[in-house]
Amino acid sequence: MVEPIAAAAPPPGAPSFSYLAVFSNCPLVAAVLAFAIAQSIKVLTTWYKENRWDAKQLVGSGGMPSSHSATVTALAVAVGLQEGLASSLFATAAVFASVVMYDAFGVRLHAGKQAEAEWHLACSVAQSLYETSLIV
């Protein structure tokens, strides 16, 4: 008769698995905290500027401050402090942060240009409709 294979016990002194271990990961905690702060600032600025609470800002993308940039910057800084600025892990995090921030800047720039083009188009359409007396 074949005996069932038992799972091997971890060696003595080996760390045991715990879901709470994620909270001791400094770079992860820093990145999540930076994201939460950036998103919270969006809610507060909406309240200050428009005098209304917009809870959708907590999970929505876009607007300032950039939660993407805040997250990757916090991640890169925390990795740099934990692993050292000469480590390859910090180099990877710094390049990743640079790419994300460059992309975010480009998206915001082109979104602004697109909005300006749409505004000019709407104004010219309204002007031509007004001139042809379609709008009274």
Protein backbone atom coordinates (compact mmCIF):
# COMPACT_ATOMS: atom_id res chain seq x y z
CA MET A 1 0.00 0.00 0.00
CA VAL A 2 1.25 3.49 -0.89
CA GLU A 3 1.42 5.93 1.97
CA PRO A 4 0.31 9.53 1.35
CA ILE A 5 3.05 12.11 1.10
CA ALA A 6 2.96 14.58 3.98
CA ALA A 7 3.78 18.22 3.51
CA ALA A 8 7.27 19.04 4.60
CA ALA A 9 7.49 21.09 7.76
CA PRO A 10 9.34 24.39 7.48
CA PRO A 11 12.88 24.29 8.85
CA PRO A 12 13.34 25.58 12.38
CA GLY A 13 13.78 29.35 12.52
CA ALA A 14 12.17 29.90 9.10
CA PRO A 15 9.64 32.72 9.00
CA SER A 16 6.04 31.58 8.95
CA PHE A 17 3.53 32.93 6.47
CA SER A 18 1.39 35.82 7.64
CA TYR A 19 -0.92 38.17 5.83
CA LEU A 20 0.10 40.88 8.30
CA ALA A 21 3.66 40.78 6.96
CA VAL A 22 2.55 43.07 4.13
CA PHE A 23 2.29 45.92 6.64
CA SER A 24 6.00 45.64 7.41
CA ASN A 25 6.88 46.23 3.74
CA CYS A 26 7.98 49.87 3.96
CA PRO A 27 8.00 50.66 0.20
CA LEU A 28 4.52 49.21 -0.25
CA VAL A 29 3.13 51.07 2.75
CA ALA A 30 4.74 54.33 1.56
CA ALA A 31 3.29 53.95 -1.95
CA VAL A 32 -0.23 53.14 -0.73
CA LEU A 33 -0.10 55.98 1.80
CA ALA A 34 1.06 58.46 -0.86
CA PHE A 35 -1.78 57.35 -3.14
CA ALA A 36 -4.33 57.77 -0.34
CA ILE A 37 -3.02 61.23 0.57
CA ALA A 38 -3.03 62.41 -3.06
CA GLN A 39 -6.58 61.18 -3.59
CA SER A 40 -7.72 62.78 -0.31
CA ILE A 41 -6.21 66.10 -1.36
CA LYS A 42 -8.31 65.93 -4.54
CA VAL A 43 -11.47 65.62 -2.44
CA LEU A 44 -10.43 68.55 -0.25
CA THR A 45 -9.55 70.80 -3.19
CA THR A 46 -12.87 70.01 -4.86
CA TRP A 47 -14.63 70.96 -1.63
CA TYR A 48 -12.60 74.17 -1.33
CA LYS A 49 -13.03 75.27 -4.96
CA GLU A 50 -16.58 74.11 -5.66
CA ASN A 51 -17.98 73.95 -2.11
CA ARG A 52 -19.16 70.36 -2.54
CA TRP A 53 -17.93 66.94 -1.48
CA ASP A 54 -17.09 64.60 -4.34
CA ALA A 55 -16.31 61.12 -2.99
CA LYS A 56 -15.71 59.86 -6.55
CA GLN A 57 -12.40 61.73 -6.41
CA LEU A 58 -11.15 59.11 -3.92
CA VAL A 59 -11.03 56.44 -6.60
CA GLY A 60 -11.06 58.43 -9.85
CA SER A 61 -8.04 59.20 -11.95
CA GLY A 62 -7.03 62.54 -13.36
CA GLY A 63 -6.71 65.91 -11.76
CA MET A 64 -4.05 67.27 -9.47
CA PRO A 65 -2.18 66.18 -7.49
CA SER A 66 -1.27 63.18 -9.58
CA SER A 67 -1.78 60.06 -7.51
CA HIS A 68 0.24 58.07 -10.06
CA SER A 69 3.25 60.35 -9.63
CA ALA A 70 2.86 60.44 -5.85
CA THR A 71 2.69 56.65 -5.66
CA VAL A 72 5.76 55.90 -7.77
CA THR A 73 7.77 58.71 -6.16
CA ALA A 74 7.03 57.38 -2.68
CA LEU A 75 7.88 53.87 -3.85
CA ALA A 76 11.23 54.95 -5.31
CA VAL A 77 12.16 57.02 -2.24
CA ALA A 78 11.25 54.19 0.16
CA VAL A 79 13.20 51.65 -1.90
CA GLY A 80 16.16 54.04 -1.99
CA LEU A 81 16.08 54.52 1.77
CA GLN A 82 15.65 50.81 2.49
CA GLU A 83 17.96 49.24 -0.10
CA GLY A 84 20.41 52.09 -0.67
CA LEU A 85 20.78 54.49 -3.56
CA ALA A 86 23.44 52.29 -5.19
CA SER A 87 21.18 49.23 -5.40
CA SER A 88 19.78 47.92 -8.65
CA LEU A 89 16.33 47.78 -7.05
CA PHE A 90 16.42 51.54 -6.47
CA ALA A 91 17.59 52.09 -10.05
CA THR A 92 14.64 50.06 -11.29
CA ALA A 93 12.19 51.97 -9.07
CA ALA A 94 13.66 55.34 -10.12
CA VAL A 95 13.42 54.52 -13.84
CA PHE A 96 9.87 53.23 -13.33
CA ALA A 97 8.94 56.45 -11.50
CA SER A 98 10.49 58.57 -14.24
CA VAL A 99 8.59 56.76 -16.99
CA VAL A 100 5.27 57.03 -15.13
CA MET A 101 5.74 60.74 -14.41
CA TYR A 102 6.86 61.49 -17.97
CA ASP A 103 3.83 59.65 -19.31
CA ALA A 104 1.49 61.41 -16.86
CA PHE A 105 2.90 64.77 -17.94
CA GLY A 106 2.40 63.92 -21.61
CA VAL A 107 -1.15 62.74 -21.07
CA ARG A 108 -2.03 65.92 -19.15
CA LEU A 109 -0.40 68.10 -21.81
CA HIS A 110 -2.29 66.44 -24.67
CA ALA A 111 -5.55 66.37 -22.73
CA GLY A 112 -5.21 70.13 -22.22
CA LYS A 113 -4.52 70.69 -25.92
CA GLN A 114 -7.50 68.49 -26.82
CA ALA A 115 -9.77 70.44 -24.48
CA GLU A 116 -8.59 73.72 -25.98
CA ALA A 117 -9.22 72.44 -29.53
CA GLU A 118 -12.71 71.29 -28.56
CA TRP A 119 -13.43 74.68 -26.98
CA HIS A 120 -12.38 76.52 -30.17
CA LEU A 121 -14.45 74.13 -32.28
CA ALA A 122 -17.53 74.67 -30.10
CA CYS A 123 -17.07 78.45 -30.24
CA SER A 124 -16.71 78.47 -34.02
CA VAL A 125 -19.78 76.25 -34.46
CA ALA A 126 -21.80 78.50 -32.14
CA GLN A 127 -20.58 81.59 -34.00
CA SER A 128 -21.49 80.17 -37.42
CA LEU A 129 -24.92 79.07 -36.15
CA TYR A 130 -25.48 82.53 -34.72
CA GLU A 131 -24.43 84.17 -38.00
CA THR A 132 -26.81 82.00 -40.02
CA SER A 133 -29.62 82.90 -37.61
CA LEU A 134 -30.24 79.34 -36.55
CA ILE A 135 -29.80 80.47 -32.96
CA VAL A 136 -31.88 83.43 -31.88
